[in-house]
């Protein structure tokens, strides 16, 4: 029996994405949405491209991680419970140019995200090769907690309507009914919780569930979305400092990060340029040439995913 066997595995498997938190060099817990696959041995498999390798670099420095399955969009489950998983992760230096060791991960992704199959076409390969140069992250769960579904969250209070300047991050957070708080517990490990941030004069007031015990220090609020077919993605992170006040926990914002831009058409070209530079930089720092993607192997799995989708 594994730690994950204490959770409803059918629910975990149905989630299209989860929020995955690692610890930055300065100790800030950073969470981003990602796809994950459960393995038969009770571990969880995630991948990250070289262009967005910070998660892998964080894991290599400090393997303490947290995952929260809290956005059931596309799962087919109306009242899916939230699942919080904490554990230890490891990430090899090996750059995967094909799907070996992650076949089920890629087949499931191609099935659930049909538009990603187009990246394998000959015209798209020069632009999207970075997407398939991956690092594998394996998580060994240490604890799993089942929480009520999102509908159980109390709505946040409306923002003040006075003439005060809006808080940093308000433009991003106000577009979402909830956000995911990433903070640290007393041991320094990351913790995650869905919350309804309420703007105040000092920062964002956040409530946390009873099973989550954050401490004051660096923290962040993540908002993200995707449609039923893992398209129309957007994410933003509001970094700051978590403080305990008489009113409760308040996150004082300091920085806003929008890695994929704000959704404008021009952002797509900017992101493609940045992913190429980031991939090249990862390879250059290690004295490596850009490896060749095993396009045929990925195409085989994409075809298998298409066959699954017809059943």
C-alpha atoms as a PDB file:
ATOM      1  CA  UNK A   1       0.000   0.000   0.000  1.00  0.00           C
ATOM      2  CA  UNK A   2       1.297   3.469  -0.898  1.00  0.00           C
ATOM      3  CA  UNK A   3       0.536   6.898   0.540  1.00  0.00           C
ATOM      4  CA  UNK A   4      -1.662   7.739  -2.454  1.00  0.00           C
ATOM      5  CA  UNK A   5      -3.887   4.727  -1.788  1.00  0.00           C
ATOM      6  CA  UNK A   6      -5.413   6.760   1.051  1.00  0.00           C
ATOM      7  CA  UNK A   7      -6.839   9.170  -1.537  1.00  0.00           C
ATOM      8  CA  UNK A   8      -9.623   8.690  -4.118  1.00  0.00           C
ATOM      9  CA  UNK A   9      -7.375   7.679  -7.002  1.00  0.00           C
ATOM     10  CA  UNK A  10     -10.117   7.971  -9.621  1.00  0.00           C
ATOM     11  CA  UNK A  11     -10.472  11.633  -8.690  1.00  0.00           C
ATOM     12  CA  UNK A  12      -6.723  12.252  -8.756  1.00  0.00           C
ATOM     13  CA  UNK A  13      -6.438  10.608 -12.176  1.00  0.00           C
ATOM     14  CA  UNK A  14      -9.331  12.669 -13.552  1.00  0.00           C
ATOM     15  CA  UNK A  15      -7.734  16.034 -12.775  1.00  0.00           C
ATOM     16  CA  UNK A  16      -6.195  17.580 -15.892  1.00  0.00           C
ATOM     17  CA  UNK A  17      -3.727  19.755 -13.993  1.00  0.00           C
ATOM     18  CA  UNK A  18      -2.467  20.369 -10.491  1.00  0.00           C
ATOM     19  CA  UNK A  19      -0.618  23.204  -8.792  1.00  0.00           C
ATOM     20  CA  UNK A  20       2.996  22.173  -8.181  1.00  0.00           C
ATOM     21  CA  UNK A  21       5.114  24.081  -5.652  1.00  0.00           C
ATOM     22  CA  UNK A  22       8.893  24.061  -5.328  1.00  0.00           C
ATOM     23  CA  UNK A  23      11.217  26.198  -3.212  1.00  0.00           C
ATOM     24  CA  UNK A  24      13.144  28.994  -4.918  1.00  0.00           C
ATOM     25  CA  UNK A  25      16.737  29.743  -3.967  1.00  0.00           C
ATOM     26  CA  UNK A  26      15.593  32.452  -1.539  1.00  0.00           C
ATOM     27  CA  UNK A  27      13.082  30.069   0.041  1.00  0.00           C
ATOM     28  CA  UNK A  28       9.986  31.443  -1.687  1.00  0.00           C
ATOM     29  CA  UNK A  29       7.488  28.653  -2.440  1.00  0.00           C
ATOM     30  CA  UNK A  30       6.579  29.010  -6.125  1.00  0.00           C
ATOM     31  CA  UNK A  31       3.558  27.205  -7.560  1.00  0.00           C
ATOM     32  CA  UNK A  32       2.679  26.728 -11.214  1.00  0.00           C
ATOM     33  CA  UNK A  33       0.043  24.606 -12.958  1.00  0.00           C
ATOM     34  CA  UNK A  34       1.296  21.415 -14.542  1.00  0.00           C
ATOM     35  CA  UNK A  35       0.122  18.022 -15.799  1.00  0.00           C
ATOM     36  CA  UNK A  36       0.932  14.962 -13.711  1.00  0.00           C
ATOM     37  CA  UNK A  37       0.660  11.198 -14.115  1.00  0.00           C
ATOM     38  CA  UNK A  38       0.278   8.674 -11.301  1.00  0.00           C
ATOM     39  CA  UNK A  39       2.511   5.635 -11.599  1.00  0.00           C
ATOM     40  CA  UNK A  40       1.682   2.147 -10.395  1.00  0.00           C
ATOM     41  CA  UNK A  41       4.477   2.298  -7.806  1.00  0.00           C
ATOM     42  CA  UNK A  42       2.714   5.172  -6.032  1.00  0.00           C
ATOM     43  CA  UNK A  43       4.951   7.954  -7.334  1.00  0.00           C
ATOM     44  CA  UNK A  44       3.888  10.939  -9.433  1.00  0.00           C
ATOM     45  CA  UNK A  45       5.559  11.950 -12.684  1.00  0.00           C
ATOM     46  CA  UNK A  46       5.817  15.520 -13.929  1.00  0.00           C
ATOM     47  CA  UNK A  47       7.918  16.964 -16.724  1.00  0.00           C
ATOM     48  CA  UNK A  48       9.229  20.405 -17.541  1.00  0.00           C
ATOM     49  CA  UNK A  49      10.788  21.724 -20.718  1.00  0.00           C
ATOM     50  CA  UNK A  50      14.294  23.175 -20.731  1.00  0.00           C
ATOM     51  CA  UNK A  51      12.698  26.546 -21.472  1.00  0.00           C
ATOM     52  CA  UNK A  52      10.952  26.462 -18.076  1.00  0.00           C
ATOM     53  CA  UNK A  53      13.574  24.544 -16.137  1.00  0.00           C
ATOM     54  CA  UNK A  54      13.362  26.512 -12.888  1.00  0.00           C
ATOM     55  CA  UNK A  55      11.142  23.863 -11.310  1.00  0.00           C
ATOM     56  CA  UNK A  56      13.790  21.242 -12.028  1.00  0.00           C
ATOM     57  CA  UNK A  57      16.601  23.443 -10.717  1.00  0.00           C
ATOM     58  CA  UNK A  58      14.642  24.091  -7.525  1.00  0.00           C
ATOM     59  CA  UNK A  59      14.028  20.363  -7.011  1.00  0.00           C
ATOM     60  CA  UNK A  60      17.727  19.565  -7.438  1.00  0.00           C
ATOM     61  CA  UNK A  61      18.563  22.085  -4.722  1.00  0.00           C
ATOM     62  CA  UNK A  62      15.704  21.193  -2.309  1.00  0.00           C
ATOM     63  CA  UNK A  63      13.481  18.213  -3.021  1.00  0.00           C
ATOM     64  CA  UNK A  64      10.610  19.242  -0.748  1.00  0.00           C
ATOM     65  CA  UNK A  65       7.535  19.856  -2.908  1.00  0.00           C
ATOM     66  CA  UNK A  66       3.764  20.129  -2.689  1.00  0.00           C
ATOM     67  CA  UNK A  67       0.936  19.443  -5.136  1.00  0.00           C
ATOM     68  CA  UNK A  68      -2.670  20.562  -4.974  1.00  0.00           C
ATOM     69  CA  UNK A  69      -5.343  19.081  -7.212  1.00  0.00           C
ATOM     70  CA  UNK A  70      -7.968  21.788  -6.971  1.00  0.00           C
ATOM     71  CA  UNK A  71      -9.182  22.882 -10.441  1.00  0.00           C
ATOM     72  CA  UNK A  72     -11.439  20.117 -11.830  1.00  0.00           C
ATOM     73  CA  UNK A  73     -12.009  21.786 -15.216  1.00  0.00           C
ATOM     74  CA  UNK A  74     -12.207  19.054 -17.861  1.00  0.00           C
ATOM     75  CA  UNK A  75     -12.311  16.214 -15.326  1.00  0.00           C
ATOM     76  CA  UNK A  76     -16.032  15.545 -15.734  1.00  0.00           C
ATOM     77  CA  UNK A  77     -16.421  15.723 -11.953  1.00  0.00           C
ATOM     78  CA  UNK A  78     -18.798  18.414 -10.709  1.00  0.00           C
ATOM     79  CA  UNK A  79     -17.946  18.153  -7.014  1.00  0.00           C
ATOM     80  CA  UNK A  80     -14.427  16.781  -7.063  1.00  0.00           C
ATOM     81  CA  UNK A  81     -12.714  16.985  -3.672  1.00  0.00           C
ATOM     82  CA  UNK A  82      -9.402  18.812  -3.546  1.00  0.00           C
ATOM     83  CA  UNK A  83      -6.319  16.700  -2.929  1.00  0.00           C
ATOM     84  CA  UNK A  84      -3.184  18.051  -1.260  1.00  0.00           C
ATOM     85  CA  UNK A  85      -0.005  16.000  -1.576  1.00  0.00           C
ATOM     86  CA  UNK A  86       3.351  16.761   0.014  1.00  0.00           C
ATOM     87  CA  UNK A  87       6.509  14.804  -0.606  1.00  0.00           C
ATOM     88  CA  UNK A  88      10.052  14.659  -1.916  1.00  0.00           C
ATOM     89  CA  UNK A  89      11.024  15.042  -5.570  1.00  0.00           C
ATOM     90  CA  UNK A  90      14.096  14.293  -7.634  1.00  0.00           C
ATOM     91  CA  UNK A  91      15.104  15.338 -11.132  1.00  0.00           C
ATOM     92  CA  UNK A  92      17.844  13.764 -13.216  1.00  0.00           C
ATOM     93  CA  UNK A  93      20.218  15.799 -15.373  1.00  0.00           C
ATOM     94  CA  UNK A  94      19.293  13.618 -18.353  1.00  0.00           C
ATOM     95  CA  UNK A  95      17.517  15.533 -21.111  1.00  0.00           C
ATOM     96  CA  UNK A  96      14.722  13.444 -22.585  1.00  0.00           C
ATOM     97  CA  UNK A  97      14.438  13.847 -26.348  1.00  0.00           C
ATOM     98  CA  UNK A  98      11.717  11.244 -26.647  1.00  0.00           C
ATOM     99  CA  UNK A  99       8.883   9.823 -24.541  1.00  0.00           C
ATOM    100  CA  UNK A 100      10.802   6.857 -23.094  1.00  0.00           C
ATOM    101  CA  UNK A 101       9.974   6.479 -19.409  1.00  0.00           C
ATOM    102  CA  UNK A 102       7.010   8.816 -19.735  1.00  0.00           C
ATOM    103  CA  UNK A 103       4.923   7.093 -22.419  1.00  0.00           C
ATOM    104  CA  UNK A 104       1.673   7.203 -20.443  1.00  0.00           C
ATOM    105  CA  UNK A 105       2.256  10.829 -19.518  1.00  0.00           C
ATOM    106  CA  UNK A 106       2.569  11.868 -23.178  1.00  0.00           C
ATOM    107  CA  UNK A 107      -0.242   9.664 -24.483  1.00  0.00           C
ATOM    108  CA  UNK A 108      -2.625  11.050 -21.862  1.00  0.00           C
ATOM    109  CA  UNK A 109      -1.517  14.617 -22.587  1.00  0.00           C
ATOM    110  CA  UNK A 110      -2.047  14.180 -26.339  1.00  0.00           C
ATOM    111  CA  UNK A 111      -5.483  12.713 -25.624  1.00  0.00           C
ATOM    112  CA  UNK A 112      -6.603  15.417 -23.226  1.00  0.00           C
ATOM    113  CA  UNK A 113      -4.983  18.287 -25.147  1.00  0.00           C
ATOM    114  CA  UNK A 114      -5.713  17.529 -28.827  1.00  0.00           C
ATOM    115  CA  UNK A 115      -4.295  20.830 -30.119  1.00  0.00           C
ATOM    116  CA  UNK A 116      -0.812  19.849 -28.885  1.00  0.00           C
ATOM    117  CA  UNK A 117      -0.662  17.137 -31.576  1.00  0.00           C
ATOM    118  CA  UNK A 118      -0.301  19.932 -34.139  1.00  0.00           C
ATOM    119  CA  UNK A 119       3.091  20.790 -32.645  1.00  0.00           C
ATOM    120  CA  UNK A 120       4.402  17.581 -34.249  1.00  0.00           C
ATOM    121  CA  UNK A 121       3.671  18.690 -37.805  1.00  0.00           C
ATOM    122  CA  UNK A 122       6.678  19.470 -39.999  1.00  0.00           C
ATOM    123  CA  UNK A 123       5.940  23.215 -40.281  1.00  0.00           C
ATOM    124  CA  UNK A 124       5.713  23.564 -36.477  1.00  0.00           C
ATOM    125  CA  UNK A 125       8.828  21.602 -35.544  1.00  0.00           C
ATOM    126  CA  UNK A 126      11.346  24.459 -35.854  1.00  0.00           C
ATOM    127  CA  UNK A 127       9.190  26.564 -33.520  1.00  0.00           C
ATOM    128  CA  UNK A 128       8.224  23.873 -31.019  1.00  0.00           C
ATOM    129  CA  UNK A 129      11.302  21.657 -30.614  1.00  0.00           C
ATOM    130  CA  UNK A 130      11.939  23.273 -27.197  1.00  0.00           C
ATOM    131  CA  UNK A 131       8.589  21.879 -26.010  1.00  0.00           C
ATOM    132  CA  UNK A 132       9.789  18.281 -26.398  1.00  0.00           C
ATOM    133  CA  UNK A 133      13.195  18.618 -24.746  1.00  0.00           C
ATOM    134  CA  UNK A 134      12.160  17.630 -21.248  1.00  0.00           C
ATOM    135  CA  UNK A 135      13.387  16.922 -17.746  1.00  0.00           C
ATOM    136  CA  UNK A 136      11.531  14.300 -15.716  1.00  0.00           C
ATOM    137  CA  UNK A 137      10.537  15.033 -12.124  1.00  0.00           C
ATOM    138  CA  UNK A 138       9.509  12.131  -9.881  1.00  0.00           C
ATOM    139  CA  UNK A 139       7.623  12.835  -6.646  1.00  0.00           C
ATOM    140  CA  UNK A 140       7.470  10.358  -3.780  1.00  0.00           C
ATOM    141  CA  UNK A 141       4.363  11.359  -1.778  1.00  0.00           C
ATOM    142  CA  UNK A 142       4.771  11.570   1.976  1.00  0.00           C
ATOM    143  CA  UNK A 143       1.312  12.771   2.934  1.00  0.00           C
ATOM    144  CA  UNK A 144      -2.055  13.195   1.247  1.00  0.00           C
ATOM    145  CA  UNK A 145      -4.994  15.253   2.511  1.00  0.00           C
ATOM    146  CA  UNK A 146      -8.517  15.290   1.089  1.00  0.00           C
ATOM    147  CA  UNK A 147     -10.262  18.680   1.217  1.00  0.00           C
ATOM    148  CA  UNK A 148     -13.795  19.806   0.297  1.00  0.00           C
ATOM    149  CA  UNK A 149     -14.502  20.858  -3.311  1.00  0.00           C
ATOM    150  CA  UNK A 150     -14.102  24.442  -4.499  1.00  0.00           C
ATOM    151  CA  UNK A 151     -17.808  25.107  -4.062  1.00  0.00           C
ATOM    152  CA  UNK A 152     -17.289  24.872  -0.291  1.00  0.00           C
ATOM    153  CA  UNK A 153     -15.042  27.939  -0.276  1.00  0.00           C
ATOM    154  CA  UNK A 154     -16.609  31.097   1.077  1.00  0.00           C
ATOM    155  CA  UNK A 155     -16.650  33.949  -1.457  1.00  0.00           C
ATOM    156  CA  UNK A 156     -14.228  36.776  -0.776  1.00  0.00           C
ATOM    157  CA  UNK A 157     -15.368  40.219   0.260  1.00  0.00           C
ATOM    158  CA  UNK A 158     -15.673  42.845  -2.488  1.00  0.00           C
ATOM    159  CA  UNK A 159     -12.738  45.153  -3.103  1.00  0.00           C
ATOM    160  CA  UNK A 160     -12.860  48.591  -1.496  1.00  0.00           C
ATOM    161  CA  UNK A 161     -14.495  51.226  -3.696  1.00  0.00           C
ATOM    162  CA  UNK A 162     -12.627  54.187  -2.263  1.00  0.00           C
ATOM    163  CA  UNK A 163     -10.186  56.247  -4.313  1.00  0.00           C
ATOM    164  CA  UNK A 164      -7.184  54.291  -3.020  1.00  0.00           C
ATOM    165  CA  UNK A 165      -4.741  52.946  -5.599  1.00  0.00           C
ATOM    166  CA  UNK A 166      -5.318  49.253  -6.403  1.00  0.00           C
ATOM    167  CA  UNK A 167      -2.994  46.712  -4.863  1.00  0.00           C
ATOM    168  CA  UNK A 168      -0.196  45.243  -6.940  1.00  0.00           C
ATOM    169  CA  UNK A 169      -1.614  42.141  -8.607  1.00  0.00           C
ATOM    170  CA  UNK A 170      -5.218  43.304  -8.424  1.00  0.00           C
ATOM    171  CA  UNK A 171      -5.583  43.292 -12.217  1.00  0.00           C
ATOM    172  CA  UNK A 172      -4.649  39.602 -12.256  1.00  0.00           C
ATOM    173  CA  UNK A 173      -6.385  38.354  -9.100  1.00  0.00           C
ATOM    174  CA  UNK A 174      -9.705  40.113  -9.609  1.00  0.00           C
ATOM    175  CA  UNK A 175     -10.334  38.059 -12.766  1.00  0.00           C
ATOM    176  CA  UNK A 176     -10.581  34.840 -10.719  1.00  0.00           C
ATOM    177  CA  UNK A 177     -12.961  33.826  -7.906  1.00  0.00           C
ATOM    178  CA  UNK A 178     -10.186  31.942  -6.072  1.00  0.00           C
ATOM    179  CA  UNK A 179      -6.397  31.724  -5.991  1.00  0.00           C
ATOM    180  CA  UNK A 180      -3.858  29.209  -4.708  1.00  0.00           C
ATOM    181  CA  UNK A 181      -1.714  30.314  -1.786  1.00  0.00           C
ATOM    182  CA  UNK A 182       1.784  28.858  -1.651  1.00  0.00           C
ATOM    183  CA  UNK A 183       3.571  29.311   1.661  1.00  0.00           C
ATOM    184  CA  UNK A 184       5.908  27.413   3.990  1.00  0.00           C
ATOM    185  CA  UNK A 185       5.178  25.424   7.128  1.00  0.00           C
ATOM    186  CA  UNK A 186       7.253  25.469  10.308  1.00  0.00           C
ATOM    187  CA  UNK A 187       9.752  22.999   8.811  1.00  0.00           C
ATOM    188  CA  UNK A 188      10.249  25.167   5.723  1.00  0.00           C
ATOM    189  CA  UNK A 189       8.412  22.785   3.386  1.00  0.00           C
ATOM    190  CA  UNK A 190       5.908  24.231   0.892  1.00  0.00           C
ATOM    191  CA  UNK A 191       2.180  24.106   1.563  1.00  0.00           C
ATOM    192  CA  UNK A 192      -0.694  24.945  -0.782  1.00  0.00           C
ATOM    193  CA  UNK A 193      -4.300  25.985  -0.265  1.00  0.00           C
ATOM    194  CA  UNK A 194      -7.125  27.360  -2.396  1.00  0.00           C
ATOM    195  CA  UNK A 195      -8.367  30.620  -0.938  1.00  0.00           C
ATOM    196  CA  UNK A 196     -10.466  33.677  -1.760  1.00  0.00           C
ATOM    197  CA  UNK A 197      -8.153  36.703  -1.494  1.00  0.00           C
ATOM    198  CA  UNK A 198      -9.771  39.848  -0.175  1.00  0.00           C
ATOM    199  CA  UNK A 199      -8.042  43.179  -0.920  1.00  0.00           C
ATOM    200  CA  UNK A 200      -7.350  45.331   2.131  1.00  0.00           C
ATOM    201  CA  UNK A 201      -5.317  48.453   2.758  1.00  0.00           C
ATOM    202  CA  UNK A 202      -2.325  46.286   3.743  1.00  0.00           C
ATOM    203  CA  UNK A 203      -2.505  43.417   1.254  1.00  0.00           C
ATOM    204  CA  UNK A 204      -4.630  40.406   0.434  1.00  0.00           C
ATOM    205  CA  UNK A 205      -6.457  38.772   3.314  1.00  0.00           C
ATOM    206  CA  UNK A 206      -6.458  34.990   2.820  1.00  0.00           C
ATOM    207  CA  UNK A 207      -8.133  32.152   4.676  1.00  0.00           C
ATOM    208  CA  UNK A 208      -6.477  28.752   4.916  1.00  0.00           C
ATOM    209  CA  UNK A 209      -8.011  25.368   5.798  1.00  0.00           C
ATOM    210  CA  UNK A 210      -7.500  23.958   9.280  1.00  0.00           C
ATOM    211  CA  UNK A 211      -5.149  21.255   7.982  1.00  0.00           C
ATOM    212  CA  UNK A 212      -2.797  23.867   6.484  1.00  0.00           C
ATOM    213  CA  UNK A 213      -0.359  25.563   8.874  1.00  0.00           C
ATOM    214  CA  UNK A 214       1.603  28.312   7.121  1.00  0.00           C
ATOM    215  CA  UNK A 215       4.158  30.502   8.831  1.00  0.00           C
ATOM    216  CA  UNK A 216       5.053  34.112   8.171  1.00  0.00           C
ATOM    217  CA  UNK A 217       7.553  34.657   5.375  1.00  0.00           C
ATOM    218  CA  UNK A 218       7.832  34.551   1.594  1.00  0.00           C
ATOM    219  CA  UNK A 219       4.663  33.377  -0.139  1.00  0.00           C
ATOM    220  CA  UNK A 220       2.695  33.791  -3.354  1.00  0.00           C
ATOM    221  CA  UNK A 221      -0.775  33.685  -4.889  1.00  0.00           C
ATOM    222  CA  UNK A 222      -1.300  31.778  -8.146  1.00  0.00           C
ATOM    223  CA  UNK A 223      -4.204  32.175 -10.542  1.00  0.00           C
ATOM    224  CA  UNK A 224      -4.571  30.079 -13.663  1.00  0.00           C
ATOM    225  CA  UNK A 225      -7.147  28.707 -16.059  1.00  0.00           C
ATOM    226  CA  UNK A 226      -7.596  26.302 -18.951  1.00  0.00           C
ATOM    227  CA  UNK A 227     -10.630  25.092 -20.871  1.00  0.00           C
ATOM    228  CA  UNK A 228     -12.008  21.554 -21.113  1.00  0.00           C
ATOM    229  CA  UNK A 229      -9.327  20.615 -23.680  1.00  0.00           C
ATOM    230  CA  UNK A 230      -6.357  22.239 -21.912  1.00  0.00           C
ATOM    231  CA  UNK A 231      -6.433  25.199 -24.259  1.00  0.00           C
ATOM    232  CA  UNK A 232      -6.856  28.922 -23.585  1.00  0.00           C
ATOM    233  CA  UNK A 233      -4.285  28.751 -20.810  1.00  0.00           C
ATOM    234  CA  UNK A 234      -3.334  31.687 -18.639  1.00  0.00           C
ATOM    235  CA  UNK A 235      -1.426  31.930 -15.366  1.00  0.00           C
ATOM    236  CA  UNK A 236      -0.024  34.633 -13.137  1.00  0.00           C
ATOM    237  CA  UNK A 237       1.837  34.649  -9.855  1.00  0.00           C
ATOM    238  CA  UNK A 238       1.722  37.409  -7.252  1.00  0.00           C
ATOM    239  CA  UNK A 239       4.772  37.055  -5.020  1.00  0.00           C
ATOM    240  CA  UNK A 240       5.050  38.695  -1.648  1.00  0.00           C
ATOM    241  CA  UNK A 241       5.308  38.223   2.105  1.00  0.00           C
ATOM    242  CA  UNK A 242       2.778  36.444   4.301  1.00  0.00           C
ATOM    243  CA  UNK A 243       2.070  38.128   7.635  1.00  0.00           C
ATOM    244  CA  UNK A 244      -0.213  37.258  10.520  1.00  0.00           C
ATOM    245  CA  UNK A 245      -2.363  40.138  11.731  1.00  0.00           C
ATOM    246  CA  UNK A 246      -5.332  40.605  14.027  1.00  0.00           C
ATOM    247  CA  UNK A 247      -7.536  40.234  10.949  1.00  0.00           C
ATOM    248  CA  UNK A 248      -5.845  36.988   9.881  1.00  0.00           C
ATOM    249  CA  UNK A 249      -3.205  36.055   7.309  1.00  0.00           C
ATOM    250  CA  UNK A 250      -2.345  38.812   4.841  1.00  0.00           C
ATOM    251  CA  UNK A 251      -0.123  38.533   1.776  1.00  0.00           C
ATOM    252  CA  UNK A 252       1.689  41.801   1.050  1.00  0.00           C
ATOM    253  CA  UNK A 253       2.446  41.751  -2.716  1.00  0.00           C
ATOM    254  CA  UNK A 254       5.827  42.703  -4.148  1.00  0.00           C
ATOM    255  CA  UNK A 255       6.060  41.246  -7.677  1.00  0.00           C
ATOM    256  CA  UNK A 256       3.737  40.000 -10.431  1.00  0.00           C
ATOM    257  CA  UNK A 257       4.912  37.322 -12.871  1.00  0.00           C
ATOM    258  CA  UNK A 258       3.011  36.496 -16.080  1.00  0.00           C
ATOM    259  CA  UNK A 259       5.213  33.934 -17.889  1.00  0.00           C
ATOM    260  CA  UNK A 260       2.885  33.549 -20.868  1.00  0.00           C
ATOM    261  CA  UNK A 261       1.907  37.193 -21.089  1.00  0.00           C
ATOM    262  CA  UNK A 262      -1.509  38.709 -20.539  1.00  0.00           C
ATOM    263  CA  UNK A 263      -3.197  37.024 -23.493  1.00  0.00           C
ATOM    264  CA  UNK A 264      -2.472  39.498 -26.286  1.00  0.00           C
ATOM    265  CA  UNK A 265      -1.580  38.109 -29.735  1.00  0.00           C
ATOM    266  CA  UNK A 266       1.830  39.762 -29.569  1.00  0.00           C
ATOM    267  CA  UNK A 267       2.608  37.783 -26.411  1.00  0.00           C
ATOM    268  CA  UNK A 268       2.792  34.523 -28.370  1.00  0.00           C
ATOM    269  CA  UNK A 269       5.744  35.705 -30.459  1.00  0.00           C
ATOM    270  CA  UNK A 270       7.489  37.101 -27.397  1.00  0.00           C
ATOM    271  CA  UNK A 271       7.055  33.798 -25.547  1.00  0.00           C
ATOM    272  CA  UNK A 272       8.430  31.790 -28.474  1.00  0.00           C
ATOM    273  CA  UNK A 273      11.524  33.990 -28.605  1.00  0.00           C
ATOM    274  CA  UNK A 274      12.014  33.665 -24.878  1.00  0.00           C
ATOM    275  CA  UNK A 275      11.609  29.882 -24.870  1.00  0.00           C
ATOM    276  CA  UNK A 276      14.299  29.558 -27.541  1.00  0.00           C
ATOM    277  CA  UNK A 277      16.686  31.781 -25.592  1.00  0.00           C
ATOM    278  CA  UNK A 278      15.989  29.949 -22.341  1.00  0.00           C
ATOM    279  CA  UNK A 279      16.548  26.554 -23.945  1.00  0.00           C
ATOM    280  CA  UNK A 280      19.794  27.686 -25.552  1.00  0.00           C
ATOM    281  CA  UNK A 281      20.979  29.158 -22.249  1.00  0.00           C
ATOM    282  CA  UNK A 282      20.276  25.906 -20.358  1.00  0.00           C
ATOM    283  CA  UNK A 283      22.326  23.946 -22.904  1.00  0.00           C
ATOM    284  CA  UNK A 284      25.141  26.480 -23.179  1.00  0.00           C
ATOM    285  CA  UNK A 285      25.722  26.577 -19.435  1.00  0.00           C
ATOM    286  CA  UNK A 286      26.271  22.824 -19.513  1.00  0.00           C
ATOM    287  CA  UNK A 287      28.373  22.797 -22.665  1.00  0.00           C
ATOM    288  CA  UNK A 288      25.770  20.798 -24.577  1.00  0.00           C
ATOM    289  CA  UNK A 289      24.584  20.950 -28.159  1.00  0.00           C
ATOM    290  CA  UNK A 290      20.865  21.052 -28.833  1.00  0.00           C
ATOM    291  CA  UNK A 291      19.790  17.392 -29.117  1.00  0.00           C
ATOM    292  CA  UNK A 292      17.439  16.111 -31.800  1.00  0.00           C
ATOM    293  CA  UNK A 293      13.845  15.450 -30.882  1.00  0.00           C
ATOM    294  CA  UNK A 294      12.555  11.937 -31.547  1.00  0.00           C
ATOM    295  CA  UNK A 295       9.619  13.170 -33.587  1.00  0.00           C
ATOM    296  CA  UNK A 296       8.559   9.718 -34.816  1.00  0.00           C
ATOM    297  CA  UNK A 297       8.182   8.366 -31.283  1.00  0.00           C
ATOM    298  CA  UNK A 298       6.043  11.309 -30.241  1.00  0.00           C
ATOM    299  CA  UNK A 299       3.920  10.940 -33.367  1.00  0.00           C
ATOM    300  CA  UNK A 300       3.281   7.284 -32.516  1.00  0.00           C
ATOM    301  CA  UNK A 301       1.927   8.263 -29.110  1.00  0.00           C
ATOM    302  CA  UNK A 302      -0.145  11.086 -30.607  1.00  0.00           C
ATOM    303  CA  UNK A 303      -1.729   8.565 -32.963  1.00  0.00           C
ATOM    304  CA  UNK A 304      -2.436   6.250 -30.024  1.00  0.00           C
ATOM    305  CA  UNK A 305      -4.073   9.134 -28.168  1.00  0.00           C
ATOM    306  CA  UNK A 306      -6.254   9.874 -31.183  1.00  0.00           C
ATOM    307  CA  UNK A 307      -7.382   6.240 -31.285  1.00  0.00           C
ATOM    308  CA  UNK A 308      -8.230   6.385 -27.585  1.00  0.00           C
ATOM    309  CA  UNK A 309     -10.295   9.503 -28.175  1.00  0.00           C
ATOM    310  CA  UNK A 310     -12.463   7.726 -30.739  1.00  0.00           C
ATOM    311  CA  UNK A 311     -13.448   4.970 -28.324  1.00  0.00           C
END
